[in-house]
Protein backbone atom coordinates (compact mmCIF):
# COMPACT_ATOMS: atom_id res chain seq x y z
CA MET A 1 61.07 -16.52 35.48
CA LYS A 2 59.15 -13.32 35.31
CA PHE A 3 55.75 -12.38 36.34
CA GLN A 4 53.96 -9.11 36.09
CA ASN A 5 55.59 -6.14 37.09
CA PRO A 6 54.39 -5.18 40.53
CA HIS A 7 54.06 -1.50 39.75
CA ASP A 8 51.92 -2.43 36.69
CA VAL A 9 49.58 -4.50 38.65
CA LYS A 10 49.28 -1.66 41.46
CA ALA A 11 48.68 1.03 38.77
CA LYS A 12 45.44 -0.83 37.63
CA THR A 13 43.36 1.01 40.27
CA ILE A 14 40.09 -0.56 40.67
CA PRO A 15 37.22 2.30 39.81
CA GLY A 16 35.87 3.79 42.89
CA THR A 17 38.88 2.88 45.11
CA GLU A 18 41.25 5.81 44.25
CA GLY A 19 43.17 6.63 47.30
CA TRP A 20 42.72 3.32 49.03
CA GLU A 21 46.45 3.46 50.02
CA ARG A 22 45.75 5.84 53.02
CA MET A 23 43.88 2.74 54.59
CA TYR A 24 47.23 0.98 55.15
CA PRO A 25 50.78 1.81 56.70
CA TYR A 26 52.67 3.94 54.08
CA GLN A 27 55.70 1.58 54.11
CA TYR A 28 53.39 -1.05 52.41
CA GLN A 29 53.10 0.71 49.08
CA PHE A 30 54.89 -0.09 45.81
CA VAL A 31 56.58 3.29 44.96
CA THR A 32 57.36 5.29 42.04
CA ASP A 33 58.89 8.31 43.51
CA ASP A 34 61.92 6.68 45.26
CA ALA A 35 64.16 5.44 42.44
CA GLU A 36 66.19 3.07 44.71
CA ARG A 37 63.18 1.45 46.42
CA ASN A 38 61.25 1.31 43.05
CA GLN A 39 64.08 -0.73 41.42
CA TYR A 40 64.41 -2.89 44.41
CA GLU A 41 60.68 -3.66 44.15
CA LYS A 42 60.96 -4.28 40.43
CA ASP A 43 64.08 -6.78 40.78
CA SER A 44 62.37 -8.72 43.76
CA PHE A 45 60.02 -11.55 43.69
CA TRP A 46 56.62 -11.10 45.43
CA PHE A 47 53.94 -13.72 46.21
CA TYR A 48 50.55 -13.32 47.62
CA ASP A 49 50.25 -14.51 51.14
CA GLY A 50 47.01 -16.33 50.65
CA LEU A 51 47.98 -18.73 53.26
CA HIS A 52 47.35 -16.22 56.01
CA TYR A 53 45.01 -13.78 54.09
CA PRO A 54 42.55 -15.63 51.66
CA GLU A 55 40.75 -12.23 51.39
CA PRO A 56 41.57 -8.59 51.48
CA LEU A 57 42.97 -7.25 54.72
CA TYR A 58 40.95 -4.74 56.67
CA PRO A 59 43.08 -1.78 57.98
CA PHE A 60 42.99 -2.80 61.47
CA ASP A 61 43.67 -6.51 60.85
CA THR A 62 47.05 -5.28 59.36
CA ILE A 63 48.30 -5.46 62.98
CA TRP A 64 49.10 -9.14 62.63
CA ASP A 65 50.82 -8.67 59.31
CA GLU A 66 52.89 -5.75 61.01
CA ALA A 67 53.60 -8.15 63.97
CA TRP A 68 55.15 -10.97 61.98
CA TYR A 69 56.81 -8.68 59.32
CA LEU A 70 58.71 -7.53 62.45
CA ALA A 71 59.08 -10.69 64.42
CA LEU A 72 60.14 -13.21 61.70
CA SER A 73 62.51 -10.68 60.12
CA GLN A 74 64.25 -9.89 63.31
CA PHE A 75 64.65 -13.50 64.47
CA ASN A 76 65.99 -14.57 60.89
CA ASN A 77 68.37 -11.52 60.33
CA ARG A 78 69.26 -9.94 63.54
CA ILE A 79 68.76 -12.86 66.30
CA PHE A 80 69.64 -16.12 64.90
CA MET A 81 71.35 -14.92 61.76
CA VAL A 82 70.06 -17.55 59.39
CA PRO A 83 72.81 -17.65 56.92
CA PRO A 84 71.21 -17.53 53.31
CA VAL A 85 68.26 -15.14 54.09
CA ARG A 86 67.34 -11.98 56.02
CA GLY A 87 63.78 -11.11 56.62
CA VAL A 88 60.65 -11.24 54.51
CA ASP A 89 59.39 -7.77 53.07
CA HIS A 90 55.76 -6.74 52.80
CA ARG A 91 53.61 -4.86 50.40
CA ILE A 92 49.70 -4.41 49.85
CA ILE A 93 47.88 -4.18 46.72
CA ASN A 94 44.16 -3.66 46.72
CA GLY A 95 44.08 -5.07 50.46
CA TYR A 96 46.02 -8.07 49.45
CA VAL A 97 49.35 -8.84 51.22
CA TYR A 98 52.43 -9.68 49.04
CA ILE A 99 55.68 -10.87 50.51
CA SER A 100 59.31 -11.14 49.40
CA PRO A 101 62.15 -13.06 51.15
CA VAL A 102 65.22 -11.03 51.18
CA PRO A 103 68.20 -13.11 50.33
CA VAL A 104 71.88 -12.59 51.60
CA LYS A 105 73.58 -12.14 48.22
CA ASP A 106 77.24 -12.04 49.26
CA GLY A 107 78.85 -15.48 49.72
CA ALA A 108 81.26 -14.02 52.07
CA GLU A 109 78.43 -12.60 54.29
CA ILE A 110 76.76 -15.95 54.19
CA GLY A 111 79.81 -17.61 55.45
CA SER A 112 80.39 -15.13 58.29
CA ARG A 113 76.82 -15.62 59.56
CA VAL A 114 77.20 -19.47 59.68
CA PRO A 115 79.22 -19.51 63.17
CA HIS A 116 76.62 -17.05 64.76
CA PHE A 117 73.68 -19.24 63.55
CA MET A 118 75.30 -22.39 64.79
CA GLU A 119 75.95 -20.97 68.29
CA ARG A 120 72.65 -19.25 68.68
CA ALA A 121 70.39 -21.81 66.94
CA GLY A 122 72.38 -24.62 68.39
CA TYR A 123 71.69 -23.33 71.86
CA TYR A 124 67.87 -23.64 71.38
CA TYR A 125 68.06 -26.92 69.52
CA LYS A 126 70.18 -28.43 72.40
CA ASN A 127 67.76 -26.94 75.18
CA TRP A 128 64.48 -27.23 73.16
CA ASP A 129 62.20 -29.00 75.73
CA ALA A 130 63.46 -26.60 78.68
CA LEU A 131 63.23 -23.46 76.63
CA GLU A 132 59.88 -24.46 75.19
CA ALA A 133 58.49 -25.10 78.76
CA LYS A 134 59.52 -21.57 79.64
CA TRP A 135 57.77 -20.32 76.44
CA LYS A 136 54.38 -21.82 77.43
CA VAL A 137 54.77 -19.85 80.90
CA LYS A 138 55.46 -16.52 79.13
CA MET A 139 52.59 -17.22 76.50
CA GLU A 140 50.04 -18.10 79.16
CA SER A 141 51.04 -15.07 81.42
CA THR A 142 50.70 -12.76 78.30
CA ILE A 143 47.25 -14.21 77.80
CA ARG A 144 46.14 -13.86 81.37
CA GLU A 145 47.49 -10.23 81.39
CA LEU A 146 45.32 -9.74 78.23
CA GLU A 147 42.24 -11.26 79.90
CA ALA A 148 42.64 -8.98 82.88
CA LEU A 149 43.11 -5.88 80.94
CA GLN A 150 40.25 -3.52 81.44
CA ILE A 151 38.80 -1.01 78.65
CA PRO A 152 37.36 1.85 80.80
CA SER A 153 34.24 3.81 79.76
CA LEU A 154 34.27 7.60 80.25
CA PRO A 155 31.97 8.57 82.99
CA GLU A 156 29.74 11.83 83.24
CA MET A 157 31.68 12.54 86.55
CA GLU A 158 34.81 10.74 87.88
CA HIS A 159 34.36 8.59 91.01
CA LEU A 160 35.14 10.35 94.45
CA ASP A 161 37.87 7.92 95.08
CA VAL A 162 39.93 9.80 92.38
CA VAL A 163 39.79 12.95 94.97
CA THR A 164 39.76 11.11 98.32
CA GLY A 165 42.52 8.64 97.18
CA ALA A 166 44.51 11.24 95.61
CA LEU A 167 44.79 9.15 92.48
CA GLY A 168 45.68 11.96 90.08
CA GLU A 169 44.67 9.94 86.99
CA SER A 170 41.38 10.08 84.96
CA GLN A 171 39.49 7.23 83.22
CA GLY A 172 40.37 9.14 80.02
CA TYR A 173 44.02 8.46 80.68
CA HIS A 174 43.63 5.01 81.34
CA LEU A 175 41.64 4.49 78.15
CA LEU A 176 44.45 5.86 76.20
CA LYS A 177 47.16 3.91 78.34
CA ASN A 178 45.15 0.65 78.05
CA TYR A 179 44.67 0.80 74.44
CA ASP A 180 48.32 1.18 74.16
CA ASP A 181 48.67 -1.74 76.44
CA LEU A 182 46.33 -3.94 74.49
CA ILE A 183 48.37 -3.21 71.19
CA ASN A 184 51.57 -3.93 72.73
CA LEU A 185 50.39 -7.20 74.23
CA GLY A 186 49.60 -8.09 70.76
CA ILE A 187 53.01 -7.11 69.40
CA LYS A 188 54.73 -8.93 72.49
CA CYS A 189 52.63 -11.97 71.72
CA TRP A 190 54.03 -12.08 68.28
CA GLN A 191 57.58 -11.69 69.52
CA TYR A 192 56.95 -14.97 71.28
CA HIS A 193 55.33 -16.56 68.33
CA PHE A 194 58.63 -16.47 66.44
CA GLU A 195 61.05 -17.21 69.24
CA PHE A 196 60.91 -20.90 68.11
CA LEU A 197 58.97 -20.96 64.96
CA ASN A 198 61.68 -20.11 62.38
CA LEU A 199 64.03 -22.82 63.97
CA GLY A 200 61.09 -25.30 63.91
CA TYR A 201 60.85 -24.88 60.14
CA ALA A 202 64.58 -24.75 59.67
CA ALA A 203 65.13 -28.03 61.25
CA TYR A 204 62.74 -29.60 58.85
CA VAL A 205 64.29 -27.92 55.93
CA PHE A 206 67.76 -29.25 57.16
CA PHE A 207 66.42 -32.74 57.32
CA LEU A 208 64.74 -32.28 53.87
CA ASP A 209 67.86 -30.90 52.19
CA PHE A 210 70.08 -33.83 53.86
CA MET A 211 67.59 -36.36 52.51
CA GLN A 212 67.17 -34.96 49.12
CA LYS A 213 71.06 -35.07 48.63
CA GLN A 214 71.17 -38.70 49.76
CA PHE A 215 68.25 -39.59 47.40
CA PRO A 216 67.93 -36.97 44.77
CA SER A 217 64.66 -38.47 43.35
CA MET A 218 63.08 -38.91 46.70
CA PRO A 219 59.53 -37.29 46.89
CA THR A 220 59.24 -34.45 49.62
CA GLN A 221 56.30 -36.29 50.83
CA ARG A 222 58.39 -39.21 52.18
CA VAL A 223 60.26 -36.92 54.48
CA THR A 224 57.17 -35.44 55.86
CA GLN A 225 55.89 -38.84 56.66
CA MET A 226 58.94 -39.52 58.68
CA ILE A 227 57.74 -36.99 61.39
CA SER A 228 53.96 -37.88 61.20
CA GLY A 229 51.94 -39.44 63.87
CA ILE A 230 52.91 -36.92 66.67
CA ASP A 231 50.24 -35.67 69.02
CA VAL A 232 50.09 -31.84 69.41
CA ILE A 233 47.91 -29.49 71.51
CA MET A 234 46.39 -27.98 68.38
CA TYR A 235 44.18 -31.23 67.97
CA GLN A 236 42.87 -30.94 71.39
CA PRO A 237 39.78 -28.63 70.76
CA ASP A 238 38.77 -31.36 68.20
CA GLU A 239 39.43 -34.20 70.78
CA GLU A 240 36.97 -32.44 73.21
CA LEU A 241 34.29 -32.36 70.64
CA LYS A 242 34.73 -36.10 70.25
CA LYS A 243 34.62 -36.69 73.94
CA LEU A 244 31.37 -34.37 74.15
CA ALA A 245 29.72 -36.54 71.28
CA ARG A 246 30.51 -39.72 73.34
CA LYS A 247 29.11 -38.04 76.41
CA ALA A 248 25.99 -37.12 74.79
CA ILE A 249 25.24 -40.54 73.76
CA GLU A 250 26.17 -41.86 77.09
CA LEU A 251 23.64 -39.58 78.79
CA GLY A 252 21.01 -40.27 76.16
CA VAL A 253 20.86 -36.66 74.97
CA ASP A 254 22.33 -37.23 71.56
CA GLY A 255 18.95 -36.63 69.90
CA THR A 256 18.46 -33.23 71.44
CA VAL A 257 21.98 -32.21 70.66
CA CYS A 258 21.46 -33.06 67.02
CA SER A 259 17.91 -31.67 66.94
CA ASN A 260 18.78 -28.26 65.70
CA PRO A 261 21.87 -26.40 64.25
CA ALA A 262 21.33 -23.39 66.66
CA TRP A 263 23.22 -23.63 69.95
CA THR A 264 20.75 -21.52 71.86
CA VAL A 265 17.86 -23.65 70.78
CA VAL A 266 19.56 -26.86 71.62
CA GLU A 267 20.80 -25.39 75.01
CA ALA A 268 17.27 -24.28 76.01
CA ALA A 269 16.12 -27.82 75.36
CA LEU A 270 18.86 -29.47 77.23
CA LYS A 271 18.34 -27.19 80.40
CA LYS A 272 14.95 -28.89 80.77
CA GLN A 273 16.56 -32.43 81.40
CA ASP A 274 18.68 -33.54 84.34
CA SER A 275 20.90 -35.34 81.82
CA GLY A 276 21.03 -32.38 79.62
CA THR A 277 22.15 -30.17 82.41
CA ALA A 278 24.98 -32.77 83.09
CA TRP A 279 26.05 -32.44 79.36
CA LEU A 280 26.09 -28.92 79.53
CA ALA A 281 28.22 -28.78 82.54
CA ALA A 282 30.72 -31.05 80.50
CA VAL A 283 30.72 -28.39 77.64
CA ASP A 284 31.36 -25.67 80.27
CA SER A 285 34.36 -27.46 81.85
CA VAL A 286 36.20 -27.55 78.60
CA ARG A 287 35.38 -24.11 77.03
CA GLU A 288 38.27 -22.52 78.78
CA PRO A 289 40.61 -22.82 77.15
CA TRP A 290 39.79 -25.23 74.34
CA PHE A 291 36.84 -23.34 72.81
CA ASN A 292 39.06 -20.39 72.20
CA VAL A 293 39.63 -21.76 68.77
CA SER A 294 38.94 -19.56 65.89
CA THR A 295 36.40 -20.49 63.37
CA GLY A 296 38.83 -19.41 60.67
CA THR A 297 42.65 -18.75 60.77
CA GLY A 298 42.42 -16.43 63.66
CA TRP A 299 44.00 -13.67 61.52
CA PHE A 300 40.78 -11.68 60.77
CA HIS A 301 38.60 -9.86 63.30
CA HIS A 302 35.48 -11.93 61.90
CA ASP A 303 37.14 -15.11 62.70
CA ARG A 304 35.02 -15.48 65.98
CA SER A 305 36.10 -18.19 68.41
CA TRP A 306 33.81 -21.16 69.19
CA ASN A 307 33.02 -19.50 72.50
CA ASP A 308 31.42 -16.52 70.47
CA GLN A 309 29.72 -18.92 67.78
CA MET A 310 28.63 -21.96 69.67
CA ASP A 311 26.76 -23.16 66.48
CA VAL A 312 30.21 -24.08 64.98
CA PRO A 313 31.28 -26.69 67.76
CA LEU A 314 27.64 -27.90 68.11
CA SER A 315 27.97 -28.86 64.23
CA GLY A 316 31.21 -30.67 64.88
CA ILE A 317 29.66 -32.52 67.87
CA ALA A 318 26.56 -33.52 65.74
CA THR A 319 28.86 -34.83 62.89
CA TYR A 320 30.69 -37.01 65.43
CA ILE A 321 27.55 -38.31 67.00
CA GLY A 322 26.18 -39.17 63.71
CA LYS A 323 29.48 -41.10 62.80
CA LEU A 324 29.47 -42.98 66.11
CA LYS A 325 25.56 -44.06 65.70
CA GLN A 326 26.68 -45.32 62.39
CA GLY A 327 29.37 -47.31 64.11
CA VAL A 328 32.26 -45.35 62.11
CA THR A 329 35.28 -44.66 63.99
CA ILE A 330 35.99 -40.88 64.57
CA GLU A 331 39.60 -41.33 65.47
CA ARG A 332 42.69 -40.49 63.77
CA PRO A 333 44.37 -43.54 62.44
CA THR A 334 47.45 -42.70 64.46
CA GLU A 335 48.91 -46.17 65.00
CA LYS A 336 48.59 -46.97 61.18
CA VAL A 337 50.21 -43.52 60.33
CA ARG A 338 53.16 -44.37 62.91
CA ALA A 339 53.63 -47.67 61.49
CA GLU A 340 53.90 -46.32 57.86
CA ARG A 341 56.26 -43.68 59.37
CA ASP A 342 58.53 -46.13 61.11
CA ARG A 343 58.54 -48.42 58.01
CA ILE A 344 59.52 -45.67 55.56
CA THR A 345 62.16 -44.35 58.12
CA ALA A 346 63.78 -47.79 58.38
CA GLU A 347 63.60 -48.27 54.82
CA TYR A 348 65.50 -45.10 53.85
CA ARG A 349 67.95 -45.41 56.89
CA ASP A 350 68.88 -48.91 55.66
CA LEU A 351 69.83 -47.33 52.28
CA ILE A 352 72.23 -45.11 53.72
CA SER A 353 75.60 -46.63 53.41
CA LYS A 354 78.04 -44.62 55.40
CA GLU A 355 77.90 -44.68 59.14
CA GLU A 356 78.55 -41.00 59.60
CA ASP A 357 75.71 -40.18 57.26
CA ARG A 358 73.26 -42.53 59.36
CA LYS A 359 74.33 -40.76 62.41
CA GLN A 360 73.53 -37.44 60.85
CA PHE A 361 70.27 -38.90 59.57
CA ASP A 362 69.41 -39.89 63.16
CA GLU A 363 70.34 -36.53 64.52
CA LEU A 364 68.41 -34.46 61.93
CA LEU A 365 65.31 -36.66 62.18
CA GLY A 366 65.57 -36.61 65.92
CA CYS A 367 65.61 -32.81 65.90
CA ALA A 368 62.80 -32.50 63.35
CA LYS A 369 60.65 -34.65 65.63
CA THR A 370 61.44 -32.69 68.70
CA VAL A 371 60.75 -29.20 67.26
CA PHE A 372 57.62 -30.43 65.22
CA PRO A 373 55.06 -30.25 67.83
CA TYR A 374 55.78 -26.49 68.38
CA VAL A 375 55.17 -25.84 64.71
CA GLU A 376 51.35 -26.77 65.37
CA ASN A 377 51.18 -25.89 69.17
CA HIS A 378 52.07 -22.26 68.84
CA LEU A 379 48.88 -21.87 66.71
CA PHE A 380 46.48 -22.60 69.45
CA TYR A 381 48.23 -20.40 72.03
CA VAL A 382 48.55 -17.24 69.60
CA GLU A 383 46.21 -17.16 66.47
CA HIS A 384 43.55 -18.81 68.47
CA TRP A 385 43.51 -18.42 72.23
CA PHE A 386 45.12 -14.98 72.31
CA HIS A 387 43.55 -13.62 69.30
CA SER A 388 40.03 -14.67 70.31
CA VAL A 389 40.40 -12.66 73.56
CA PHE A 390 42.13 -9.84 71.58
CA TRP A 391 39.52 -9.31 69.10
CA ASN A 392 36.88 -8.92 71.86
CA LYS A 393 38.94 -6.54 73.77
CA MET A 394 38.99 -4.43 70.52
CA ARG A 395 35.35 -4.56 70.33
CA GLU A 396 35.03 -3.04 73.80
CA VAL A 397 37.30 -0.16 72.42
CA GLY A 398 34.66 -0.04 69.45
CA ALA A 399 31.88 0.39 71.92
CA ILE A 400 33.51 3.51 73.41
CA MET A 401 34.11 4.96 69.93
CA GLN A 402 30.49 4.13 68.94
CA GLN A 403 29.20 5.80 72.22
CA HIS A 404 30.91 8.98 71.24
CA GLY A 405 29.74 9.11 67.72
CA MET A 406 32.96 8.20 66.03
CA ILE A 407 31.65 5.25 64.31
CA ALA A 408 28.06 3.98 63.53
CA GLU A 409 28.70 0.32 64.52
CA VAL A 410 31.05 -1.31 66.76
CA GLU A 411 32.33 -3.48 63.86
CA ASP A 412 33.34 -0.32 61.95
CA ILE A 413 36.30 -0.21 64.14
CA TRP A 414 38.14 -2.58 61.88
CA LEU A 415 38.06 -0.08 59.08
CA MET A 416 40.55 2.03 60.90
CA ARG A 417 44.32 1.51 61.13
CA ARG A 418 45.58 1.04 64.80
CA ASP A 419 47.35 4.38 64.77
CA GLU A 420 44.25 6.13 63.50
CA ILE A 421 42.35 4.48 66.38
CA LYS A 422 44.76 6.05 68.91
CA THR A 423 44.43 9.26 67.37
CA ALA A 424 40.67 9.07 67.30
CA LEU A 425 40.73 8.03 70.98
CA TRP A 426 42.64 11.08 71.87
CA ASP A 427 39.88 13.15 70.20
CA VAL A 428 37.28 11.41 72.11
CA VAL A 429 39.18 11.89 75.41
CA THR A 430 39.99 15.49 75.03
CA ALA A 431 36.28 16.20 73.85
CA TRP A 432 35.06 14.42 76.83
CA ALA A 433 37.35 16.21 79.08
CA THR A 434 36.44 19.49 77.76
CA GLY A 435 32.71 18.75 77.21
CA VAL A 436 32.45 19.42 73.42
CA LYS A 437 31.65 16.97 70.49
CA PRO A 438 34.88 15.20 69.25
CA ARG A 439 35.62 16.40 65.57
CA GLY A 440 35.87 12.71 64.33
CA ALA A 441 32.25 12.38 64.98
CA TYR A 442 32.03 14.31 61.85
CA THR A 443 34.75 13.10 59.73
CA TRP A 444 35.11 9.38 60.57
CA PRO A 445 31.53 8.09 59.60
CA LYS A 446 31.83 9.35 56.11
CA GLU A 447 35.45 7.89 55.74
CA ILE A 448 34.29 4.50 57.10
CA LEU A 449 31.26 4.44 54.55
CA TRP A 450 33.76 5.04 51.69
CA ARG A 451 36.23 2.41 52.96
CA LYS A 452 33.39 -0.14 53.30
CA GLY A 453 32.70 0.34 49.49
CA VAL A 454 36.46 -0.24 48.77
CA MET A 455 36.61 -3.36 50.76
CA ASP A 456 33.72 -4.68 48.67
CA LYS A 457 35.35 -3.93 45.40
CA PHE A 458 38.68 -5.37 46.78
CA LYS A 459 36.87 -8.76 47.61
CA GLU A 460 35.91 -9.06 43.77
CA TRP A 461 39.56 -8.75 42.65
CA ASN A 462 41.63 -11.69 41.76
CA ALA A 463 44.99 -11.31 43.30
CA PRO A 464 47.81 -12.84 41.00
CA PRO A 465 49.66 -15.54 43.11
CA ALA A 466 53.02 -14.04 42.08
CA ILE A 467 54.46 -10.72 40.64
CA GLY A 468 57.99 -9.76 39.83
CA ILE A 469 61.04 -11.65 39.04
CA ALA A 470 61.61 -15.11 40.65
CA PRO A 471 65.08 -15.80 42.06
CA GLU A 472 67.16 -18.61 40.73
CA VAL A 473 66.84 -20.60 43.95
CA ILE A 474 64.27 -20.05 46.70
CA GLN A 475 65.95 -20.74 50.07
CA GLU A 476 63.94 -19.07 52.90
CA PRO A 477 62.54 -21.94 55.04
CA PHE A 478 58.97 -20.54 55.57
CA THR A 479 58.65 -19.86 52.00
CA ILE A 480 59.42 -23.46 51.11
CA VAL A 481 57.67 -25.55 53.57
CA LEU A 482 54.81 -23.26 54.78
CA TRP A 483 53.80 -21.33 51.71
CA GLY A 484 54.65 -24.10 49.37
CA VAL A 485 56.69 -21.55 47.12
CA THR A 486 59.40 -23.27 45.13
CA ASN A 487 60.78 -22.71 41.75
CA LYS A 488 58.69 -25.82 40.65
CA SER A 489 55.44 -24.36 42.02
CA LEU A 490 56.13 -21.07 40.41
CA ALA A 491 56.53 -22.70 36.96
CA ASP A 492 53.21 -24.56 37.58
CA TRP A 493 51.42 -21.37 38.68
CA SER A 494 52.80 -19.59 35.46
CA ALA A 495 51.71 -22.44 33.26
CA VAL A 496 48.04 -21.95 34.67
CA GLN A 497 48.21 -18.26 34.45
CA GLU A 498 49.14 -18.35 30.69
CA ILE A 499 45.82 -20.16 29.96
CA ALA A 500 43.29 -17.47 28.87
CA ASP A 501 40.27 -19.37 29.63
CA PRO A 502 39.91 -21.01 33.06
CA ASP A 503 37.20 -23.30 31.80
CA ASN A 504 39.81 -24.87 29.51
CA VAL A 505 42.15 -26.09 32.46
CA THR A 506 41.90 -29.92 32.80
CA GLU A 507 44.82 -30.32 35.23
CA LEU A 508 46.33 -28.49 38.12
CA LYS A 509 49.56 -29.22 39.89
CA GLY A 510 50.60 -28.46 43.54
CA PHE A 511 52.57 -30.14 46.41
CA ALA A 512 52.11 -33.69 47.02
CA GLY A 513 50.89 -33.06 50.63
CA SER A 514 49.74 -36.42 51.66
CA PRO A 515 49.52 -39.60 49.66
CA GLY A 516 46.71 -41.44 48.12
CA ILE A 517 44.68 -41.32 44.94
CA VAL A 518 40.78 -40.79 45.02
CA GLU A 519 38.06 -39.48 42.69
CA GLY A 520 35.20 -37.37 43.98
CA LEU A 521 32.99 -34.36 43.76
CA ALA A 522 34.45 -30.96 44.53
CA ARG A 523 33.09 -28.67 47.20
CA VAL A 524 34.71 -25.12 47.19
CA CYS A 525 34.75 -23.67 50.65
CA LYS A 526 36.11 -20.25 51.41
CA THR A 527 34.65 -19.61 54.70
CA VAL A 528 33.56 -21.56 57.82
CA ALA A 529 29.95 -21.03 56.83
CA GLU A 530 30.54 -22.77 53.41
CA VAL A 531 32.21 -25.59 55.07
CA GLY A 532 28.91 -26.55 56.62
CA GLN A 533 27.77 -27.45 53.18
CA LEU A 534 30.25 -30.11 52.69
CA GLN A 535 28.68 -33.58 51.97
CA GLU A 536 29.93 -36.96 53.00
CA GLY A 537 32.69 -38.15 50.48
CA GLU A 538 33.37 -34.84 48.84
CA ILE A 539 36.74 -33.45 48.19
CA LEU A 540 37.27 -29.98 50.05
CA VAL A 541 38.84 -27.36 47.79
CA ALA A 542 39.68 -24.11 49.83
CA PRO A 543 42.06 -21.30 49.86
CA THR A 544 43.66 -22.73 52.96
CA THR A 545 42.33 -24.70 55.89
CA SER A 546 41.74 -23.84 59.64
CA PRO A 547 42.25 -26.22 62.67
CA SER A 548 38.56 -25.47 63.65
CA TRP A 549 37.44 -27.24 60.46
CA ALA A 550 38.88 -30.57 61.94
CA PRO A 551 35.42 -32.30 61.97
CA VAL A 552 35.34 -32.31 58.41
CA PHE A 553 38.16 -34.45 57.98
CA VAL A 554 36.13 -37.50 58.94
CA LYS A 555 33.70 -36.61 56.07
CA ILE A 556 35.83 -35.82 53.00
CA LYS A 557 37.95 -37.87 50.63
CA ALA A 558 40.64 -35.57 50.04
CA CYS A 559 41.70 -31.95 50.41
CA ILE A 560 43.10 -29.37 47.87
CA THR A 561 44.19 -25.76 48.79
CA ASP A 562 45.48 -22.63 46.79
CA VAL A 563 48.33 -21.99 49.19
CA GLY A 564 50.53 -24.01 51.49
CA GLY A 565 53.64 -26.36 51.62
CA VAL A 566 54.40 -29.77 53.11
CA MET A 567 54.15 -28.25 56.61
CA SER A 568 50.91 -26.15 55.93
CA HIS A 569 47.92 -27.22 58.32
CA ALA A 570 45.93 -29.02 55.49
CA ALA A 571 49.03 -31.21 54.54
CA ILE A 572 49.77 -32.05 58.19
CA VAL A 573 46.24 -33.02 59.12
CA CYS A 574 45.50 -35.06 55.97
CA ARG A 575 48.53 -36.95 56.65
CA GLU A 576 47.31 -37.71 60.34
CA TYR A 577 43.89 -38.62 58.82
CA GLY A 578 45.32 -40.82 56.01
CA LEU A 579 43.74 -38.66 53.32
CA PRO A 580 45.13 -37.38 50.01
CA ALA A 581 46.10 -33.90 49.88
CA VAL A 582 47.34 -31.49 47.17
CA VAL A 583 48.56 -28.05 48.70
CA GLY A 584 49.89 -24.86 47.15
CA THR A 585 48.01 -25.14 43.70
CA GLY A 586 48.01 -21.28 43.41
CA HIS A 587 44.67 -21.36 41.43
CA ALA A 588 42.46 -24.22 42.60
CA THR A 589 39.53 -22.25 44.03
CA LYS A 590 39.49 -20.12 40.90
CA ILE A 591 39.60 -22.90 38.43
CA ILE A 592 37.58 -25.69 40.29
CA LYS A 593 33.78 -25.38 40.87
CA SER A 594 31.59 -27.12 43.34
CA GLY A 595 30.24 -30.27 41.74
CA MET A 596 33.24 -30.87 39.39
CA MET A 597 34.38 -34.53 39.36
CA LEU A 598 38.04 -34.55 40.43
CA ARG A 599 40.91 -37.04 40.54
CA VAL A 600 43.32 -36.18 43.25
CA ASP A 601 46.77 -37.82 43.40
CA GLY A 602 48.20 -36.87 46.73
CA SER A 603 51.43 -38.81 45.89
CA THR A 604 52.32 -36.78 42.75
CA GLY A 605 50.46 -33.46 43.39
CA VAL A 606 48.37 -33.76 40.30
CA ILE A 607 44.82 -32.91 40.07
CA SER A 608 42.63 -33.96 37.16
CA ILE A 609 39.41 -32.25 36.46
CA VAL A 610 37.21 -35.02 34.93
CA ARG A 611 34.10 -32.76 34.78
């Protein structure tokens, strides 16, 4: 199956963005000057990583893509030696990230990797709980180190202690060093991110493969249901909102809490009441760490945490108060989900005739259940808690840059690559040391103004979901279960792509993420601000979903996403709430408009546009 040639896509430069390539690391470019690399790119299959990047990537924000580019690939290819796949290669077109799983093509090499994988991955699977406990210690230690990191300002005159204490180091040196430390902590965090994650998805893929060989016609969704109903840390921020909603009703301040969408207004009103002060104390008691949850995916600098944008958790609390006052439950139907899980599990296990196969079924399912919590839990520690602190530390760096005229606003720092910032800080520090104006105060403001215009044009571009030549069989675990890219989904994307007029599309197909059939009005939401427009009983249509959107799952009838597989956030949460979900449609937010009447079949992955 062939999609557009990646070089042809890249060659169609958006007018006014000529030279955009300098905004990103040079290895991210599709090339024409290197014949070997050019041919490799033509022969490979690339798909748009809309799961992580539903919008173009700012130059600095590329840091997390670089981090997982390294981390996932090294654990696949150099540490655990996953037999059929190496790493995942990356490119950028018009600010959008395209990725390509790199297969191990030689059958003999695949065989030679198997014993290494069994030894190395086997060690982790056998000692998972103990190793995961160590991981939490490492991760929390890294976050505490980040929180303690200071971004020093540059004084007019160094403190006398530098002389009397014979320190021998200036604040200029510490600014440079601490910026390096900040970046290195980010890369280190992502090393830990992938220590377990590849194996978590691999365990699921092993179980899925076993079940599909036993039952060739078995829906993938049935396998996912066998590991549902498991509590994970990522649900805790939402649970804290539910507790605060109940607390507000108990203290009689629910009316005040729901009186205004602005946190500052509500907080001021509550401070005038004894019961309001008590409720605010309850809020403060859970803000660290649970409000270090991003309002988006956490991958973008503008995905501020709840702590930074208290209007967002306030909205969630108000939603829950409204439900409670109506006598509607706000709990996930966990017992119902678990009962269905156990019924399906027993049903399929009984259909397995051979004892050795039943034993393997038990072992693979047990392993999948053991590793599953990490697959969600790591999100809170990394993309939410760590990233929330990290972005604000970078804003402190931006304040230094602004103070010395390098950028006009603190938020302009995101338009610079991380290596450009390091070079610019050297410019600042040497100019400060010398007593002159930094050169960048002249060059950077003009460049950043141009880059702002480029980013605006990038946002108007529709990134094709796939380019290049699709492989005969897609085997990389992340690609299948997280991104939802399979040979079938590519065929579905291609079918829609061939339709010239999107208004003529009456049916979309994706992954059957969570069972059930409903009809309702669509609400397309691409940002957390748009999520606030969701009305009771609507169907959420989004590029992807974020854990911070959890309160909306008690309002919606179903969920549809552009990207994601059976282990994506939207699929997992909808299964826990008993809501239908179709994920990995490729085009939903481009085809569906808010207000359209939809029929969503979460059991087959078919979406009908009723109009």
